[in-house]
């Protein structure tokens, strides 16, 4: 419903910057996602403590063509030593 209602401006949705990506309907990366969510919960939302879990999740998505293969620097992991990046694989 993109029409104005009672004088309010309408909302026009825009595509995400990176584009759309397939959802994990098969649950291929569910284990990695759950591990990340547990880590976030344990650390009270502090995602810095869970970066290794997030990397494993991204790696799983890239391996299973659920997202395009990206360089770790573009995903925000350029500051990690290469040994930590290899652990994610």
N, C-alpha and C. Protein backbone atom coordinates (compact mmCIF):
# COMPACT_ATOMS: atom_id res chain seq x y z
N UNK A 1 0.85 -1.16 0.00
CA UNK A 1 0.00 0.00 0.00
C UNK A 1 0.89 1.22 0.00
N UNK A 2 1.08 1.80 -1.16
CA UNK A 2 2.01 2.91 -1.30
C UNK A 2 1.30 4.23 -1.52
N UNK A 3 0.09 4.39 -1.03
CA UNK A 3 -0.64 5.63 -1.20
C UNK A 3 -0.59 6.45 0.07
N UNK A 4 -0.80 7.75 -0.09
CA UNK A 4 -0.83 8.62 1.08
C UNK A 4 -2.11 8.38 1.86
N UNK A 5 -2.01 8.40 3.17
CA UNK A 5 -3.16 8.15 4.02
C UNK A 5 -3.25 9.25 5.06
N UNK A 6 -4.34 9.98 5.01
CA UNK A 6 -4.60 11.08 5.94
C UNK A 6 -3.45 12.10 5.97
N UNK A 7 -2.95 12.43 4.80
CA UNK A 7 -1.94 13.46 4.70
C UNK A 7 -0.52 13.02 5.02
N UNK A 8 -0.32 11.76 5.34
CA UNK A 8 1.02 11.27 5.64
C UNK A 8 1.70 10.86 4.35
N UNK A 9 3.00 11.03 4.29
CA UNK A 9 3.76 10.65 3.11
C UNK A 9 3.82 9.13 3.01
N UNK A 10 3.84 8.65 1.79
CA UNK A 10 3.92 7.20 1.60
C UNK A 10 5.37 6.74 1.72
N UNK A 11 5.52 5.50 2.07
CA UNK A 11 6.84 4.88 2.20
C UNK A 11 7.15 4.12 0.93
N UNK A 12 8.31 4.40 0.35
CA UNK A 12 8.75 3.69 -0.84
C UNK A 12 9.93 2.82 -0.46
N UNK A 13 9.76 1.50 -0.48
CA UNK A 13 10.86 0.61 -0.08
C UNK A 13 12.01 0.67 -1.08
N UNK A 14 13.22 0.49 -0.57
CA UNK A 14 14.41 0.47 -1.43
C UNK A 14 15.14 -0.86 -1.21
N UNK A 15 15.84 -1.27 -2.25
CA UNK A 15 16.58 -2.52 -2.17
C UNK A 15 17.78 -2.38 -1.24
N UNK A 16 18.23 -3.46 -0.58
CA UNK A 16 19.42 -3.40 0.26
C UNK A 16 20.66 -3.09 -0.57
N UNK A 17 21.67 -2.53 0.06
CA UNK A 17 22.90 -2.14 -0.64
C UNK A 17 23.55 -3.33 -1.34
N UNK A 18 23.65 -4.44 -0.68
CA UNK A 18 24.29 -5.63 -1.24
C UNK A 18 23.33 -6.46 -2.09
N UNK A 19 22.10 -6.06 -2.21
CA UNK A 19 21.13 -6.84 -2.96
C UNK A 19 20.50 -7.90 -2.08
N UNK A 20 19.64 -8.68 -2.68
CA UNK A 20 18.97 -9.73 -1.91
C UNK A 20 19.82 -10.99 -1.92
N UNK A 21 19.54 -11.87 -1.01
CA UNK A 21 20.24 -13.14 -0.95
C UNK A 21 19.24 -14.22 -0.55
N UNK A 22 19.47 -15.45 -0.96
CA UNK A 22 18.53 -16.52 -0.64
C UNK A 22 18.47 -16.81 0.86
N UNK A 23 17.28 -17.09 1.33
CA UNK A 23 17.12 -17.52 2.72
C UNK A 23 17.56 -18.97 2.84
N UNK A 24 17.92 -19.34 4.02
CA UNK A 24 18.40 -20.70 4.29
C UNK A 24 17.21 -21.59 4.63
N UNK A 25 16.35 -21.86 3.65
CA UNK A 25 15.15 -22.66 3.88
C UNK A 25 15.49 -24.09 4.31
N UNK A 26 16.61 -24.61 3.85
CA UNK A 26 16.99 -25.99 4.17
C UNK A 26 17.67 -26.11 5.53
N UNK A 27 18.04 -24.99 6.15
CA UNK A 27 18.71 -25.03 7.45
C UNK A 27 20.15 -25.50 7.36
N UNK A 28 20.80 -25.27 6.21
CA UNK A 28 22.17 -25.72 6.00
C UNK A 28 23.12 -25.08 7.01
N UNK A 29 22.91 -23.82 7.30
CA UNK A 29 23.82 -23.09 8.21
C UNK A 29 23.16 -22.80 9.55
N UNK A 30 22.17 -23.57 9.91
CA UNK A 30 21.44 -23.32 11.16
C UNK A 30 22.32 -23.49 12.38
N UNK A 31 23.19 -24.48 12.38
CA UNK A 31 24.08 -24.71 13.53
C UNK A 31 24.95 -23.48 13.79
N UNK A 32 25.54 -22.92 12.73
CA UNK A 32 26.40 -21.75 12.87
C UNK A 32 25.59 -20.54 13.34
N UNK A 33 24.36 -20.41 12.82
CA UNK A 33 23.51 -19.29 13.22
C UNK A 33 23.12 -19.40 14.70
N UNK A 34 22.76 -20.61 15.14
CA UNK A 34 22.38 -20.81 16.54
C UNK A 34 23.58 -20.57 17.46
N UNK A 35 24.76 -21.04 17.06
CA UNK A 35 25.98 -20.79 17.86
C UNK A 35 26.21 -19.29 18.03
N UNK A 36 26.02 -18.54 16.95
CA UNK A 36 26.19 -17.08 17.00
C UNK A 36 25.15 -16.45 17.93
N UNK A 37 23.89 -16.87 17.80
CA UNK A 37 22.84 -16.29 18.64
C UNK A 37 23.06 -16.62 20.12
N UNK A 38 23.53 -17.82 20.42
CA UNK A 38 23.84 -18.19 21.81
C UNK A 38 24.97 -17.31 22.34
N UNK A 39 25.99 -17.10 21.51
CA UNK A 39 27.11 -16.25 21.91
C UNK A 39 26.65 -14.82 22.19
N UNK A 40 25.80 -14.29 21.31
CA UNK A 40 25.27 -12.92 21.50
C UNK A 40 24.48 -12.84 22.81
N UNK A 41 23.69 -13.85 23.07
CA UNK A 41 22.89 -13.86 24.30
C UNK A 41 23.79 -13.91 25.54
N UNK A 42 24.79 -14.79 25.50
CA UNK A 42 25.71 -14.92 26.64
C UNK A 42 26.50 -13.64 26.89
N UNK A 43 26.80 -12.90 25.82
CA UNK A 43 27.61 -11.69 25.93
C UNK A 43 26.76 -10.43 25.94
N UNK A 44 25.48 -10.57 26.23
CA UNK A 44 24.55 -9.44 26.38
C UNK A 44 24.58 -8.50 25.18
N UNK A 45 24.61 -9.08 23.98
CA UNK A 45 24.54 -8.28 22.76
C UNK A 45 25.86 -7.72 22.29
N UNK A 46 26.95 -8.03 22.97
CA UNK A 46 28.26 -7.52 22.56
C UNK A 46 28.80 -8.38 21.42
N UNK A 47 28.61 -7.91 20.19
CA UNK A 47 29.00 -8.73 19.04
C UNK A 47 30.51 -8.84 18.84
N UNK A 48 31.29 -7.98 19.48
CA UNK A 48 32.75 -8.10 19.37
C UNK A 48 33.24 -9.45 19.90
N UNK A 49 32.57 -9.96 20.91
CA UNK A 49 32.95 -11.24 21.50
C UNK A 49 32.57 -12.43 20.62
N UNK A 50 31.75 -12.19 19.62
CA UNK A 50 31.20 -13.29 18.81
C UNK A 50 31.62 -13.22 17.35
N UNK A 51 32.66 -12.47 17.05
CA UNK A 51 33.07 -12.31 15.65
C UNK A 51 33.47 -13.63 15.01
N UNK A 52 34.10 -14.52 15.78
CA UNK A 52 34.49 -15.81 15.21
C UNK A 52 33.27 -16.63 14.81
N UNK A 53 32.19 -16.55 15.60
CA UNK A 53 30.96 -17.25 15.25
C UNK A 53 30.33 -16.66 13.99
N UNK A 54 30.36 -15.33 13.90
CA UNK A 54 29.81 -14.67 12.72
C UNK A 54 30.60 -15.05 11.47
N UNK A 55 31.92 -15.14 11.61
CA UNK A 55 32.75 -15.54 10.46
C UNK A 55 32.40 -16.94 10.00
N UNK A 56 32.20 -17.85 10.94
CA UNK A 56 31.85 -19.22 10.59
C UNK A 56 30.49 -19.25 9.88
N UNK A 57 29.57 -18.42 10.32
CA UNK A 57 28.26 -18.34 9.68
C UNK A 57 28.38 -17.80 8.25
N UNK A 58 29.13 -16.72 8.09
CA UNK A 58 29.34 -16.17 6.74
C UNK A 58 30.03 -17.18 5.83
N UNK A 59 31.02 -17.88 6.36
CA UNK A 59 31.74 -18.87 5.57
C UNK A 59 30.78 -19.98 5.12
N UNK A 60 29.92 -20.43 6.02
CA UNK A 60 28.95 -21.46 5.66
C UNK A 60 28.03 -20.96 4.56
N UNK A 61 27.55 -19.73 4.68
CA UNK A 61 26.66 -19.18 3.65
C UNK A 61 27.39 -19.06 2.31
N UNK A 62 28.65 -18.66 2.33
CA UNK A 62 29.39 -18.53 1.07
C UNK A 62 29.66 -19.91 0.47
N UNK A 63 29.99 -20.88 1.29
CA UNK A 63 30.28 -22.23 0.81
C UNK A 63 29.05 -22.88 0.17
N UNK A 64 27.87 -22.54 0.66
CA UNK A 64 26.64 -23.16 0.19
C UNK A 64 25.85 -22.26 -0.77
N UNK A 65 26.52 -21.27 -1.34
CA UNK A 65 25.93 -20.35 -2.31
C UNK A 65 24.67 -19.66 -1.78
N UNK A 66 24.65 -19.36 -0.49
CA UNK A 66 23.56 -18.60 0.10
C UNK A 66 23.89 -17.12 0.15
N UNK A 67 25.11 -16.78 -0.22
CA UNK A 67 25.53 -15.40 -0.41
C UNK A 67 26.76 -15.42 -1.31
N UNK A 68 27.00 -14.30 -1.95
CA UNK A 68 28.14 -14.22 -2.85
C UNK A 68 29.45 -14.28 -2.06
N UNK A 69 30.46 -14.87 -2.64
CA UNK A 69 31.78 -14.93 -2.02
C UNK A 69 32.32 -13.50 -1.93
N UNK A 70 32.67 -13.07 -0.75
CA UNK A 70 33.20 -11.72 -0.51
C UNK A 70 34.53 -11.83 0.19
N UNK A 71 35.36 -10.84 -0.02
CA UNK A 71 36.63 -10.74 0.68
C UNK A 71 36.33 -10.41 2.14
N UNK A 72 37.10 -10.98 3.06
CA UNK A 72 36.87 -10.74 4.49
C UNK A 72 36.97 -9.27 4.84
N UNK A 73 37.79 -8.52 4.14
CA UNK A 73 37.93 -7.09 4.42
C UNK A 73 36.59 -6.39 4.18
N UNK A 74 35.91 -6.74 3.10
CA UNK A 74 34.62 -6.13 2.78
C UNK A 74 33.55 -6.50 3.80
N UNK A 75 33.72 -7.63 4.46
CA UNK A 75 32.77 -8.05 5.48
C UNK A 75 33.12 -7.53 6.87
N UNK A 76 34.19 -6.76 6.97
CA UNK A 76 34.57 -6.16 8.25
C UNK A 76 35.53 -6.97 9.07
N UNK A 77 36.21 -7.94 8.44
CA UNK A 77 37.15 -8.79 9.17
C UNK A 77 38.59 -8.59 8.69
N UNK A 78 38.90 -7.45 8.12
CA UNK A 78 40.24 -7.17 7.62
C UNK A 78 41.26 -6.99 8.72
N UNK A 79 40.81 -6.71 9.94
CA UNK A 79 41.73 -6.47 11.05
C UNK A 79 42.19 -7.75 11.73
N UNK A 80 41.59 -8.90 11.37
CA UNK A 80 41.98 -10.16 11.99
C UNK A 80 43.18 -10.77 11.30
N UNK A 81 44.06 -11.43 12.06
CA UNK A 81 45.19 -12.13 11.43
C UNK A 81 44.69 -13.22 10.49
N UNK A 82 45.48 -13.55 9.49
CA UNK A 82 45.05 -14.54 8.50
C UNK A 82 44.80 -15.90 9.13
N UNK A 83 45.47 -16.23 10.24
CA UNK A 83 45.24 -17.53 10.88
C UNK A 83 43.81 -17.65 11.39
N UNK A 84 43.24 -16.56 11.91
CA UNK A 84 41.85 -16.59 12.40
C UNK A 84 40.89 -16.73 11.23
N UNK A 85 41.22 -16.12 10.09
CA UNK A 85 40.36 -16.22 8.92
C UNK A 85 40.35 -17.65 8.38
N UNK A 86 41.48 -18.33 8.51
CA UNK A 86 41.56 -19.71 8.04
C UNK A 86 40.75 -20.64 8.94
N UNK A 87 40.63 -20.32 10.22
CA UNK A 87 39.85 -21.13 11.16
C UNK A 87 38.39 -21.17 10.73
N UNK A 88 37.91 -20.07 10.16
CA UNK A 88 36.51 -19.98 9.74
C UNK A 88 36.21 -20.95 8.60
N UNK A 89 37.22 -21.33 7.86
CA UNK A 89 37.00 -22.21 6.70
C UNK A 89 36.87 -23.64 7.10
